[in-house]
């Protein structure tokens, strides 16, 4: 079974960079540029892993996490954010996120190392 990720990120350059990196590791990547698109995709199919930005237009990452919790989806969610306040990561973990990665602190290989355990 191929690895699948839904990548939800409003920054097109960063989304493409992460997508290409994941694809190099054999991961099938679906993309959404905002929380509303993410929820539409999740209603049709669930990925093995969701990579989720927090600050996005239309619906933010917190709203997507709440939706996932309400639907009792079981795939892991990893937050990718530049919000480095402990309260943000704590709020995400309470909403069911499995990990919280600060975008400015990572490179593609660091990200891959962290994500492998979710497949």
PDB file of N, CA and C in Angstrom:
ATOM      1  N   UNK A   1       0.851  -1.193   0.000  1.00  0.00           N
ATOM      2  CA  UNK A   1       0.000   0.000   0.000  1.00  0.00           C
ATOM      3  C   UNK A   1       0.889   1.245   0.000  1.00  0.00           C
ATOM      4  N   UNK A   2       0.685   2.135  -0.972  1.00  0.00           N
ATOM      5  CA  UNK A   2       1.522   3.329  -1.022  1.00  0.00           C
ATOM      6  C   UNK A   2       1.240   4.268   0.159  1.00  0.00           C
ATOM      7  N   UNK A   3       2.267   4.988   0.549  1.00  0.00           N
ATOM      8  CA  UNK A   3       2.111   5.982   1.615  1.00  0.00           C
ATOM      9  C   UNK A   3       1.357   7.171   1.039  1.00  0.00           C
ATOM     10  N   UNK A   4       0.420   7.727   1.818  1.00  0.00           N
ATOM     11  CA  UNK A   4      -0.337   8.876   1.329  1.00  0.00           C
ATOM     12  C   UNK A   4      -0.391   9.982   2.382  1.00  0.00           C
ATOM     13  N   UNK A   5      -0.240  11.203   1.903  1.00  0.00           N
ATOM     14  CA  UNK A   5      -0.260  12.382   2.768  1.00  0.00           C
ATOM     15  C   UNK A   5      -1.177  13.417   2.146  1.00  0.00           C
ATOM     16  N   UNK A   6      -1.966  14.077   2.989  1.00  0.00           N
ATOM     17  CA  UNK A   6      -2.655  15.288   2.579  1.00  0.00           C
ATOM     18  C   UNK A   6      -1.862  16.439   3.182  1.00  0.00           C
ATOM     19  N   UNK A   7      -1.332  17.286   2.325  1.00  0.00           N
ATOM     20  CA  UNK A   7      -0.526  18.434   2.723  1.00  0.00           C
ATOM     21  C   UNK A   7      -1.394  19.685   2.618  1.00  0.00           C
ATOM     22  N   UNK A   8      -1.617  20.341   3.753  1.00  0.00           N
ATOM     23  CA  UNK A   8      -2.465  21.535   3.795  1.00  0.00           C
ATOM     24  C   UNK A   8      -1.580  22.718   4.186  1.00  0.00           C
ATOM     25  N   UNK A   9      -1.293  23.558   3.208  1.00  0.00           N
ATOM     26  CA  UNK A   9      -0.351  24.673   3.390  1.00  0.00           C
ATOM     27  C   UNK A   9      -0.731  25.773   2.413  1.00  0.00           C
ATOM     28  N   UNK A  10      -0.895  27.009   2.901  1.00  0.00           N
ATOM     29  CA  UNK A  10      -1.308  28.092   2.013  1.00  0.00           C
ATOM     30  C   UNK A  10      -0.146  28.728   1.247  1.00  0.00           C
ATOM     31  N   UNK A  11       1.080  28.519   1.670  1.00  0.00           N
ATOM     32  CA  UNK A  11       2.240  29.048   0.962  1.00  0.00           C
ATOM     33  C   UNK A  11       2.594  28.098  -0.175  1.00  0.00           C
ATOM     34  N   UNK A  12       2.370  28.540  -1.414  1.00  0.00           N
ATOM     35  CA  UNK A  12       2.540  27.664  -2.583  1.00  0.00           C
ATOM     36  C   UNK A  12       3.972  27.167  -2.726  1.00  0.00           C
ATOM     37  N   UNK A  13       4.964  28.019  -2.477  1.00  0.00           N
ATOM     38  CA  UNK A  13       6.359  27.610  -2.608  1.00  0.00           C
ATOM     39  C   UNK A  13       6.696  26.518  -1.589  1.00  0.00           C
ATOM     40  N   UNK A  14       6.302  26.724  -0.352  1.00  0.00           N
ATOM     41  CA  UNK A  14       6.581  25.739   0.692  1.00  0.00           C
ATOM     42  C   UNK A  14       5.823  24.436   0.424  1.00  0.00           C
ATOM     43  N   UNK A  15       4.580  24.554  -0.025  1.00  0.00           N
ATOM     44  CA  UNK A  15       3.781  23.366  -0.346  1.00  0.00           C
ATOM     45  C   UNK A  15       4.478  22.540  -1.440  1.00  0.00           C
ATOM     46  N   UNK A  16       4.964  23.204  -2.466  1.00  0.00           N
ATOM     47  CA  UNK A  16       5.643  22.494  -3.554  1.00  0.00           C
ATOM     48  C   UNK A  16       6.942  21.858  -3.058  1.00  0.00           C
ATOM     49  N   UNK A  17       7.699  22.577  -2.256  1.00  0.00           N
ATOM     50  CA  UNK A  17       8.964  22.053  -1.720  1.00  0.00           C
ATOM     51  C   UNK A  17       8.721  20.789  -0.903  1.00  0.00           C
ATOM     52  N   UNK A  18       7.732  20.824  -0.030  1.00  0.00           N
ATOM     53  CA  UNK A  18       7.423  19.657   0.812  1.00  0.00           C
ATOM     54  C   UNK A  18       6.891  18.515  -0.050  1.00  0.00           C
ATOM     55  N   UNK A  19       6.015  18.833  -1.006  1.00  0.00           N
ATOM     56  CA  UNK A  19       5.458  17.802  -1.893  1.00  0.00           C
ATOM     57  C   UNK A  19       6.567  17.071  -2.641  1.00  0.00           C
ATOM     58  N   UNK A  20       7.480  17.825  -3.234  1.00  0.00           N
ATOM     59  CA  UNK A  20       8.572  17.205  -3.997  1.00  0.00           C
ATOM     60  C   UNK A  20       9.450  16.335  -3.096  1.00  0.00           C
ATOM     61  N   UNK A  21       9.723  16.804  -1.899  1.00  0.00           N
ATOM     62  CA  UNK A  21      10.531  16.030  -0.958  1.00  0.00           C
ATOM     63  C   UNK A  21       9.845  14.726  -0.588  1.00  0.00           C
ATOM     64  N   UNK A  22       8.555  14.780  -0.300  1.00  0.00           N
ATOM     65  CA  UNK A  22       7.810  13.568   0.057  1.00  0.00           C
ATOM     66  C   UNK A  22       7.731  12.598  -1.122  1.00  0.00           C
ATOM     67  N   UNK A  23       7.519  13.145  -2.308  1.00  0.00           N
ATOM     68  CA  UNK A  23       7.429  12.287  -3.492  1.00  0.00           C
ATOM     69  C   UNK A  23       8.758  11.569  -3.752  1.00  0.00           C
ATOM     70  N   UNK A  24       9.875  12.207  -3.431  1.00  0.00           N
ATOM     71  CA  UNK A  24      11.181  11.552  -3.577  1.00  0.00           C
ATOM     72  C   UNK A  24      11.284  10.317  -2.676  1.00  0.00           C
ATOM     73  N   UNK A  25      10.499  10.291  -1.615  1.00  0.00           N
ATOM     74  CA  UNK A  25      10.487   9.153  -0.684  1.00  0.00           C
ATOM     75  C   UNK A  25       9.331   8.194  -0.980  1.00  0.00           C
ATOM     76  N   UNK A  26       8.704   8.346  -2.150  1.00  0.00           N
ATOM     77  CA  UNK A  26       7.658   7.426  -2.568  1.00  0.00           C
ATOM     78  C   UNK A  26       6.291   7.684  -1.968  1.00  0.00           C
ATOM     79  N   UNK A  27       6.062   8.895  -1.488  1.00  0.00           N
ATOM     80  CA  UNK A  27       4.785   9.234  -0.864  1.00  0.00           C
ATOM     81  C   UNK A  27       3.865   9.881  -1.891  1.00  0.00           C
ATOM     82  N   UNK A  28       2.607   9.418  -1.926  1.00  0.00           N
ATOM     83  CA  UNK A  28       1.583  10.066  -2.751  1.00  0.00           C
ATOM     84  C   UNK A  28       1.069  11.266  -1.980  1.00  0.00           C
ATOM     85  N   UNK A  29       1.089  12.444  -2.607  1.00  0.00           N
ATOM     86  CA  UNK A  29       0.734  13.676  -1.914  1.00  0.00           C
ATOM     87  C   UNK A  29      -0.484  14.317  -2.559  1.00  0.00           C
ATOM     88  N   UNK A  30      -1.523  14.539  -1.746  1.00  0.00           N
ATOM     89  CA  UNK A  30      -2.660  15.372  -2.141  1.00  0.00           C
ATOM     90  C   UNK A  30      -2.423  16.727  -1.488  1.00  0.00           C
ATOM     91  N   UNK A  31      -2.965  17.778  -2.094  1.00  0.00           N
ATOM     92  CA  UNK A  31      -2.698  19.117  -1.575  1.00  0.00           C
ATOM     93  C   UNK A  31      -3.967  19.921  -1.399  1.00  0.00           C
ATOM     94  N   UNK A  32      -3.926  20.791  -0.402  1.00  0.00           N
ATOM     95  CA  UNK A  32      -4.972  21.785  -0.192  1.00  0.00           C
ATOM     96  C   UNK A  32      -4.285  23.076   0.242  1.00  0.00           C
ATOM     97  N   UNK A  33      -4.830  24.210  -0.193  1.00  0.00           N
ATOM     98  CA  UNK A  33      -4.195  25.491   0.129  1.00  0.00           C
ATOM     99  C   UNK A  33      -4.901  26.231   1.266  1.00  0.00           C
ATOM    100  N   UNK A  34      -5.982  25.632   1.775  1.00  0.00           N
ATOM    101  CA  UNK A  34      -6.658  26.238   2.927  1.00  0.00           C
ATOM    102  C   UNK A  34      -7.468  25.155   3.646  1.00  0.00           C
ATOM    103  N   UNK A  35      -7.966  25.501   4.811  1.00  0.00           N
ATOM    104  CA  UNK A  35      -8.688  24.534   5.626  1.00  0.00           C
ATOM    105  C   UNK A  35      -9.989  24.055   5.014  1.00  0.00           C
ATOM    106  N   UNK A  36     -10.653  24.930   4.283  1.00  0.00           N
ATOM    107  CA  UNK A  36     -11.913  24.547   3.637  1.00  0.00           C
ATOM    108  C   UNK A  36     -11.677  23.455   2.587  1.00  0.00           C
ATOM    109  N   UNK A  37     -10.640  23.637   1.773  1.00  0.00           N
ATOM    110  CA  UNK A  37     -10.282  22.613   0.776  1.00  0.00           C
ATOM    111  C   UNK A  37      -9.918  21.301   1.468  1.00  0.00           C
ATOM    112  N   UNK A  38      -9.180  21.407   2.565  1.00  0.00           N
ATOM    113  CA  UNK A  38      -8.760  20.202   3.301  1.00  0.00           C
ATOM    114  C   UNK A  38      -9.974  19.403   3.761  1.00  0.00           C
ATOM    115  N   UNK A  39     -10.947  20.071   4.332  1.00  0.00           N
ATOM    116  CA  UNK A  39     -12.138  19.385   4.836  1.00  0.00           C
ATOM    117  C   UNK A  39     -12.905  18.739   3.688  1.00  0.00           C
ATOM    118  N   UNK A  40     -13.000  19.421   2.545  1.00  0.00           N
ATOM    119  CA  UNK A  40     -13.670  18.851   1.375  1.00  0.00           C
ATOM    120  C   UNK A  40     -12.982  17.556   0.951  1.00  0.00           C
ATOM    121  N   UNK A  41     -11.662  17.566   0.914  1.00  0.00           N
ATOM    122  CA  UNK A  41     -10.906  16.367   0.535  1.00  0.00           C
ATOM    123  C   UNK A  41     -11.110  15.269   1.575  1.00  0.00           C
ATOM    124  N   UNK A  42     -11.038  15.620   2.852  1.00  0.00           N
ATOM    125  CA  UNK A  42     -11.161  14.619   3.921  1.00  0.00           C
ATOM    126  C   UNK A  42     -12.540  13.959   3.949  1.00  0.00           C
ATOM    127  N   UNK A  43     -13.545  14.659   3.496  1.00  0.00           N
ATOM    128  CA  UNK A  43     -14.891  14.074   3.450  1.00  0.00           C
ATOM    129  C   UNK A  43     -14.972  12.959   2.406  1.00  0.00           C
ATOM    130  N   UNK A  44     -14.078  12.997   1.405  1.00  0.00           N
ATOM    131  CA  UNK A  44     -14.084  11.993   0.337  1.00  0.00           C
ATOM    132  C   UNK A  44     -13.136  10.840   0.628  1.00  0.00           C
ATOM    133  N   UNK A  45     -11.975  11.143   1.176  1.00  0.00           N
ATOM    134  CA  UNK A  45     -10.981  10.105   1.441  1.00  0.00           C
ATOM    135  C   UNK A  45     -10.037  10.571   2.543  1.00  0.00           C
ATOM    136  N   UNK A  46      -9.580   9.632   3.343  1.00  0.00           N
ATOM    137  CA  UNK A  46      -8.668   9.962   4.418  1.00  0.00           C
ATOM    138  C   UNK A  46      -7.260   9.481   4.059  1.00  0.00           C
ATOM    139  N   UNK A  47      -6.266  10.330   4.292  1.00  0.00           N
ATOM    140  CA  UNK A  47      -4.884   9.957   4.018  1.00  0.00           C
ATOM    141  C   UNK A  47      -4.329   9.119   5.171  1.00  0.00           C
ATOM    142  N   UNK A  48      -3.132   8.584   4.975  1.00  0.00           N
ATOM    143  CA  UNK A  48      -2.445   7.921   6.083  1.00  0.00           C
ATOM    144  C   UNK A  48      -1.943   8.957   7.081  1.00  0.00           C
ATOM    145  N   UNK A  49      -1.674  10.170   6.589  1.00  0.00           N
ATOM    146  CA  UNK A  49      -1.116  11.230   7.418  1.00  0.00           C
ATOM    147  C   UNK A  49      -1.577  12.574   6.890  1.00  0.00           C
ATOM    148  N   UNK A  50      -1.875  13.486   7.802  1.00  0.00           N
ATOM    149  CA  UNK A  50      -2.236  14.846   7.437  1.00  0.00           C
ATOM    150  C   UNK A  50      -1.155  15.788   7.945  1.00  0.00           C
ATOM    151  N   UNK A  51      -0.572  16.575   7.035  1.00  0.00           N
ATOM    152  CA  UNK A  51       0.355  17.643   7.409  1.00  0.00           C
ATOM    153  C   UNK A  51      -0.431  18.937   7.317  1.00  0.00           C
ATOM    154  N   UNK A  52      -0.516  19.650   8.427  1.00  0.00           N
ATOM    155  CA  UNK A  52      -1.474  20.747   8.532  1.00  0.00           C
ATOM    156  C   UNK A  52      -0.835  22.030   9.034  1.00  0.00           C
ATOM    157  N   UNK A  53      -0.955  23.081   8.238  1.00  0.00           N
ATOM    158  CA  UNK A  53      -0.569  24.426   8.657  1.00  0.00           C
ATOM    159  C   UNK A  53      -1.672  24.956   9.575  1.00  0.00           C
ATOM    160  N   UNK A  54      -1.343  25.932  10.406  1.00  0.00           N
ATOM    161  CA  UNK A  54      -2.362  26.494  11.304  1.00  0.00           C
ATOM    162  C   UNK A  54      -2.980  27.776  10.768  1.00  0.00           C
ATOM    163  N   UNK A  55      -2.149  28.701  10.302  1.00  0.00           N
ATOM    164  CA  UNK A  55      -2.658  30.000   9.868  1.00  0.00           C
ATOM    165  C   UNK A  55      -2.892  29.997   8.362  1.00  0.00           C
ATOM    166  N   UNK A  56      -4.180  29.867   7.994  1.00  0.00           N
ATOM    167  CA  UNK A  56      -4.569  29.783   6.586  1.00  0.00           C
ATOM    168  C   UNK A  56      -5.870  30.547   6.373  1.00  0.00           C
ATOM    169  N   UNK A  57      -6.147  30.894   5.119  1.00  0.00           N
ATOM    170  CA  UNK A  57      -7.429  31.541   4.821  1.00  0.00           C
ATOM    171  C   UNK A  57      -8.598  30.550   4.880  1.00  0.00           C
ATOM    172  N   UNK A  58      -9.780  31.090   4.936  1.00  0.00           N
ATOM    173  CA  UNK A  58     -11.068  30.377   4.925  1.00  0.00           C
ATOM    174  C   UNK A  58     -11.321  29.598   6.211  1.00  0.00           C
ATOM    175  N   UNK A  59     -10.533  28.581   6.508  1.00  0.00           N
ATOM    176  CA  UNK A  59     -10.621  27.866   7.786  1.00  0.00           C
ATOM    177  C   UNK A  59      -9.204  27.574   8.235  1.00  0.00           C
ATOM    178  N   UNK A  60      -8.913  27.876   9.486  1.00  0.00           N
ATOM    179  CA  UNK A  60      -7.551  27.656   9.967  1.00  0.00           C
ATOM    180  C   UNK A  60      -7.346  26.208  10.408  1.00  0.00           C
ATOM    181  N   UNK A  61      -6.115  25.894  10.764  1.00  0.00           N
ATOM    182  CA  UNK A  61      -5.773  24.542  11.163  1.00  0.00           C
ATOM    183  C   UNK A  61      -6.504  24.067  12.404  1.00  0.00           C
ATOM    184  N   UNK A  62      -6.769  24.975  13.330  1.00  0.00           N
ATOM    185  CA  UNK A  62      -7.522  24.594  14.541  1.00  0.00           C
ATOM    186  C   UNK A  62      -8.917  24.109  14.169  1.00  0.00           C
ATOM    187  N   UNK A  63      -9.532  24.792  13.213  1.00  0.00           N
ATOM    188  CA  UNK A  63     -10.864  24.406  12.745  1.00  0.00           C
ATOM    189  C   UNK A  63     -10.826  23.028  12.079  1.00  0.00           C
ATOM    190  N   UNK A  64      -9.778  22.773  11.298  1.00  0.00           N
ATOM    191  CA  UNK A  64      -9.635  21.461  10.655  1.00  0.00           C
ATOM    192  C   UNK A  64      -9.447  20.380  11.721  1.00  0.00           C
ATOM    193  N   UNK A  65      -8.608  20.652  12.727  1.00  0.00           N
ATOM    194  CA  UNK A  65      -8.411  19.683  13.814  1.00  0.00           C
ATOM    195  C   UNK A  65      -9.727  19.388  14.533  1.00  0.00           C
ATOM    196  N   UNK A  66     -10.512  20.409  14.781  1.00  0.00           N
ATOM    197  CA  UNK A  66     -11.817  20.211  15.434  1.00  0.00           C
ATOM    198  C   UNK A  66     -12.729  19.352  14.576  1.00  0.00           C
ATOM    199  N   UNK A  67     -12.722  19.587  13.268  1.00  0.00           N
ATOM    200  CA  UNK A  67     -13.536  18.800  12.342  1.00  0.00           C
ATOM    201  C   UNK A  67     -13.113  17.330  12.386  1.00  0.00           C
ATOM    202  N   UNK A  68     -11.813  17.086  12.363  1.00  0.00           N
ATOM    203  CA  UNK A  68     -11.291  15.719  12.412  1.00  0.00           C
ATOM    204  C   UNK A  68     -11.726  15.028  13.697  1.00  0.00           C
ATOM    205  N   UNK A  69     -11.671  15.751  14.785  1.00  0.00           N
ATOM    206  CA  UNK A  69     -12.069  15.191  16.085  1.00  0.00           C
ATOM    207  C   UNK A  69     -13.565  14.861  16.094  1.00  0.00           C
ATOM    208  N   UNK A  70     -14.389  15.785  15.566  1.00  0.00           N
ATOM    209  CA  UNK A  70     -15.838  15.565  15.516  1.00  0.00           C
ATOM    210  C   UNK A  70     -16.191  14.322  14.694  1.00  0.00           C
ATOM    211  N   UNK A  71     -15.445  14.094  13.611  1.00  0.00           N
ATOM    212  CA  UNK A  71     -15.698  12.953  12.728  1.00  0.00           C
ATOM    213  C   UNK A  71     -15.027  11.667  13.219  1.00  0.00           C
ATOM    214  N   UNK A  72     -14.203  11.787  14.253  1.00  0.00           N
ATOM    215  CA  UNK A  72     -13.487  10.638  14.836  1.00  0.00           C
ATOM    216  C   UNK A  72     -12.582   9.944  13.821  1.00  0.00           C
ATOM    217  N   UNK A  73     -11.976  10.737  12.929  1.00  0.00           N
ATOM    218  CA  UNK A  73     -10.991  10.185  12.010  1.00  0.00           C
ATOM    219  C   UNK A  73      -9.782   9.727  12.820  1.00  0.00           C
ATOM    220  N   UNK A  74      -9.111   8.687  12.337  1.00  0.00           N
ATOM    221  CA  UNK A  74      -8.029   8.100  13.126  1.00  0.00           C
ATOM    222  C   UNK A  74      -6.632   8.317  12.556  1.00  0.00           C
ATOM    223  N   UNK A  75      -6.505   8.943  11.386  1.00  0.00           N
ATOM    224  CA  UNK A  75      -5.171   9.171  10.829  1.00  0.00           C
ATOM    225  C   UNK A  75      -4.424  10.204  11.685  1.00  0.00           C
ATOM    226  N   UNK A  76      -3.092  10.071  11.755  1.00  0.00           N
ATOM    227  CA  UNK A  76      -2.317  11.037  12.537  1.00  0.00           C
ATOM    228  C   UNK A  76      -2.244  12.398  11.842  1.00  0.00           C
ATOM    229  N   UNK A  77      -2.170  13.438  12.659  1.00  0.00           N
ATOM    230  CA  UNK A  77      -2.037  14.808  12.165  1.00  0.00           C
ATOM    231  C   UNK A  77      -0.740  15.383  12.717  1.00  0.00           C
ATOM    232  N   UNK A  78       0.078  15.908  11.813  1.00  0.00           N
ATOM    233  CA  UNK A  78       1.306  16.598  12.206  1.00  0.00           C
ATOM    234  C   UNK A  78       1.146  18.060  11.803  1.00  0.00           C
ATOM    235  N   UNK A  79       1.331  18.937  12.765  1.00  0.00           N
ATOM    236  CA  UNK A  79       1.207  20.372  12.525  1.00  0.00           C
ATOM    237  C   UNK A  79       2.527  20.910  11.990  1.00  0.00           C
ATOM    238  N   UNK A  80       2.441  21.724  10.938  1.00  0.00           N
ATOM    239  CA  UNK A  80       3.581  22.476  10.411  1.00  0.00           C
ATOM    240  C   UNK A  80       3.236  23.943  10.583  1.00  0.00           C
ATOM    241  N   UNK A  81       3.940  24.636  11.470  1.00  0.00           N
ATOM    242  CA  UNK A  81       3.584  26.018  11.752  1.00  0.00           C
ATOM    243  C   UNK A  81       4.818  26.836  12.092  1.00  0.00           C
ATOM    244  N   UNK A  82       4.692  28.134  11.948  1.00  0.00           N
ATOM    245  CA  UNK A  82       5.731  29.031  12.454  1.00  0.00           C
ATOM    246  C   UNK A  82       5.329  29.626  13.794  1.00  0.00           C
ATOM    247  N   UNK A  83       4.172  29.230  14.315  1.00  0.00           N
ATOM    248  CA  UNK A  83       3.777  29.667  15.653  1.00  0.00           C
ATOM    249  C   UNK A  83       4.588  28.849  16.657  1.00  0.00           C
ATOM    250  N   UNK A  84       5.477  29.501  17.357  1.00  0.00           N
ATOM    251  CA  UNK A  84       6.388  28.761  18.228  1.00  0.00           C
ATOM    252  C   UNK A  84       6.008  28.846  19.703  1.00  0.00           C
ATOM    253  N   UNK A  85       4.878  29.439  20.010  1.00  0.00           N
ATOM    254  CA  UNK A  85       4.439  29.534  21.400  1.00  0.00           C
ATOM    255  C   UNK A  85       3.977  28.164  21.899  1.00  0.00           C
ATOM    256  N   UNK A  86       4.390  27.813  23.079  1.00  0.00           N
ATOM    257  CA  UNK A  86       4.023  26.528  23.682  1.00  0.00           C
ATOM    258  C   UNK A  86       2.506  26.348  23.732  1.00  0.00           C
ATOM    259  N   UNK A  87       1.771  27.432  23.959  1.00  0.00           N
ATOM    260  CA  UNK A  87       0.309  27.328  24.063  1.00  0.00           C
ATOM    261  C   UNK A  87      -0.318  26.871  22.750  1.00  0.00           C
ATOM    262  N   UNK A  88       0.263  27.285  21.631  1.00  0.00           N
ATOM    263  CA  UNK A  88      -0.250  26.840  20.322  1.00  0.00           C
ATOM    264  C   UNK A  88      -0.065  25.332  20.165  1.00  0.00           C
ATOM    265  N   UNK A  89       1.130  24.843  20.481  1.00  0.00           N
ATOM    266  CA  UNK A  89       1.366  23.402  20.335  1.00  0.00           C
ATOM    267  C   UNK A  89       0.517  22.611  21.333  1.00  0.00           C
ATOM    268  N   UNK A  90       0.359  23.130  22.532  1.00  0.00           N
ATOM    269  CA  UNK A  90      -0.475  22.439  23.533  1.00  0.00           C
ATOM    270  C   UNK A  90      -1.932  22.354  23.071  1.00  0.00           C
ATOM    271  N   UNK A  91      -2.433  23.450  22.509  1.00  0.00           N
ATOM    272  CA  UNK A  91      -3.816  23.463  22.005  1.00  0.00           C
ATOM    273  C   UNK A  91      -3.984  22.421  20.897  1.00  0.00           C
ATOM    274  N   UNK A  92      -3.006  22.329  20.000  1.00  0.00           N
ATOM    275  CA  UNK A  92      -3.069  21.354  18.908  1.00  0.00           C
ATOM    276  C   UNK A  92      -3.054  19.928  19.444  1.00  0.00           C
ATOM    277  N   UNK A  93      -2.217  19.668  20.427  1.00  0.00           N
ATOM    278  CA  UNK A  93      -2.141  18.319  21.002  1.00  0.00           C
ATOM    279  C   UNK A  93      -3.457  17.956  21.689  1.00  0.00           C
ATOM    280  N   UNK A  94      -4.085  18.906  22.353  1.00  0.00           N
ATOM    281  CA  UNK A  94      -5.380  18.646  22.997  1.00  0.00           C
ATOM    282  C   UNK A  94      -6.457  18.348  21.958  1.00  0.00           C
ATOM    283  N   UNK A  95      -6.289  18.907  20.751  1.00  0.00           N
ATOM    284  CA  UNK A  95      -7.247  18.657  19.664  1.00  0.00           C
ATOM    285  C   UNK A  95      -6.902  17.390  18.882  1.00  0.00           C
ATOM    286  N   UNK A  96      -5.828  16.694  19.283  1.00  0.00           N
ATOM    287  CA  UNK A  96      -5.539  15.403  18.681  1.00  0.00           C
ATOM    288  C   UNK A  96      -4.307  15.321  17.788  1.00  0.00           C
ATOM    289  N   UNK A  97      -3.578  16.416  17.603  1.00  0.00           N
ATOM    290  CA  UNK A  97      -2.368  16.354  16.782  1.00  0.00           C
ATOM    291  C   UNK A  97      -1.337  15.445  17.452  1.00  0.00           C
ATOM    292  N   UNK A  98      -0.551  14.751  16.639  1.00  0.00           N
ATOM    293  CA  UNK A  98       0.473  13.828  17.146  1.00  0.00           C
ATOM    294  C   UNK A  98       1.839  14.492  17.273  1.00  0.00           C
ATOM    295  N   UNK A  99       2.084  15.526  16.470  1.00  0.00           N
ATOM    296  CA  UNK A  99       3.385  16.185  16.489  1.00  0.00           C
ATOM    297  C   UNK A  99       3.199  17.630  16.052  1.00  0.00           C
ATOM    298  N   UNK A 100       4.179  18.457  16.399  1.00  0.00           N
ATOM    299  CA  UNK A 100       4.133  19.890  16.104  1.00  0.00           C
ATOM    300  C   UNK A 100       5.527  20.292  15.651  1.00  0.00           C
ATOM    301  N   UNK A 101       5.650  20.670  14.383  1.00  0.00           N
ATOM    302  CA  UNK A 101       6.947  21.012  13.816  1.00  0.00           C
ATOM    303  C   UNK A 101       6.956  22.495  13.441  1.00  0.00           C
ATOM    304  N   UNK A 102       7.996  23.192  13.910  1.00  0.00           N
ATOM    305  CA  UNK A 102       8.168  24.602  13.558  1.00  0.00           C
ATOM    306  C   UNK A 102       8.828  24.648  12.176  1.00  0.00           C
ATOM    307  N   UNK A 103       8.122  25.233  11.209  1.00  0.00           N
ATOM    308  CA  UNK A 103       8.594  25.233   9.823  1.00  0.00           C
ATOM    309  C   UNK A 103       9.984  25.854   9.681  1.00  0.00           C
ATOM    310  N   UNK A 104      10.228  26.955  10.373  1.00  0.00           N
ATOM    311  CA  UNK A 104      11.513  27.645  10.216  1.00  0.00           C
ATOM    312  C   UNK A 104      12.675  26.851  10.805  1.00  0.00           C
ATOM    313  N   UNK A 105      12.385  25.839  11.624  1.00  0.00           N
ATOM    314  CA  UNK A 105      13.432  25.021  12.251  1.00  0.00           C
ATOM    315  C   UNK A 105      13.733  23.728  11.503  1.00  0.00           C
ATOM    316  N   UNK A 106      13.046  23.470  10.396  1.00  0.00           N
ATOM    317  CA  UNK A 106      13.200  22.167   9.741  1.00  0.00           C
ATOM    318  C   UNK A 106      13.764  22.312   8.341  1.00  0.00           C
ATOM    319  N   UNK A 107      14.354  21.226   7.867  1.00  0.00           N
ATOM    320  CA  UNK A 107      14.647  21.114   6.449  1.00  0.00           C
ATOM    321  C   UNK A 107      13.942  19.837   5.975  1.00  0.00           C
ATOM    322  N   UNK A 108      14.029  19.551   4.673  1.00  0.00           N
ATOM    323  CA  UNK A 108      13.246  18.432   4.138  1.00  0.00           C
ATOM    324  C   UNK A 108      13.630  17.091   4.757  1.00  0.00           C
ATOM    325  N   UNK A 109      14.927  16.865   4.993  1.00  0.00           N
ATOM    326  CA  UNK A 109      15.337  15.580   5.565  1.00  0.00           C
ATOM    327  C   UNK A 109      14.891  15.448   7.015  1.00  0.00           C
ATOM    328  N   UNK A 110      14.963  16.549   7.781  1.00  0.00           N
ATOM    329  CA  UNK A 110      14.456  16.524   9.165  1.00  0.00           C
ATOM    330  C   UNK A 110      12.974  16.154   9.169  1.00  0.00           C
ATOM    331  N   UNK A 111      12.246  16.747   8.249  1.00  0.00           N
ATOM    332  CA  UNK A 111      10.817  16.466   8.161  1.00  0.00           C
ATOM    333  C   UNK A 111      10.591  14.986   7.865  1.00  0.00           C
ATOM    334  N   UNK A 112      11.318  14.441   6.896  1.00  0.00           N
ATOM    335  CA  UNK A 112      11.146  13.039   6.535  1.00  0.00           C
ATOM    336  C   UNK A 112      11.450  12.124   7.722  1.00  0.00           C
ATOM    337  N   UNK A 113      12.516  12.409   8.449  1.00  0.00           N
ATOM    338  CA  UNK A 113      12.878  11.604   9.611  1.00  0.00           C
ATOM    339  C   UNK A 113      11.731  11.603  10.618  1.00  0.00           C
ATOM    340  N   UNK A 114      11.131  12.760  10.857  1.00  0.00           N
ATOM    341  CA  UNK A 114      10.024  12.845  11.823  1.00  0.00           C
ATOM    342  C   UNK A 114       8.769  12.127  11.328  1.00  0.00           C
ATOM    343  N   UNK A 115       8.529  12.166  10.014  1.00  0.00           N
ATOM    344  CA  UNK A 115       7.278  11.620   9.478  1.00  0.00           C
ATOM    345  C   UNK A 115       7.284  10.110   9.283  1.00  0.00           C
ATOM    346  N   UNK A 116       8.434   9.514   9.123  1.00  0.00           N
ATOM    347  CA  UNK A 116       8.507   8.075   8.824  1.00  0.00           C
ATOM    348  C   UNK A 116       7.759   7.211   9.822  1.00  0.00           C
ATOM    349  N   UNK A 117       7.750   7.601  11.082  1.00  0.00           N
ATOM    350  CA  UNK A 117       7.101   6.779  12.103  1.00  0.00           C
ATOM    351  C   UNK A 117       5.587   6.722  11.949  1.00  0.00           C
ATOM    352  N   UNK A 118       5.009   7.583  11.120  1.00  0.00           N
ATOM    353  CA  UNK A 118       3.554   7.611  10.966  1.00  0.00           C
ATOM    354  C   UNK A 118       3.055   6.741   9.814  1.00  0.00           C
ATOM    355  N   UNK A 119       3.971   6.084   9.102  1.00  0.00           N
ATOM    356  CA  UNK A 119       3.563   5.221   7.985  1.00  0.00           C
ATOM    357  C   UNK A 119       3.628   3.764   8.377  1.00  0.00           C
TER     358      UNK A 119
END
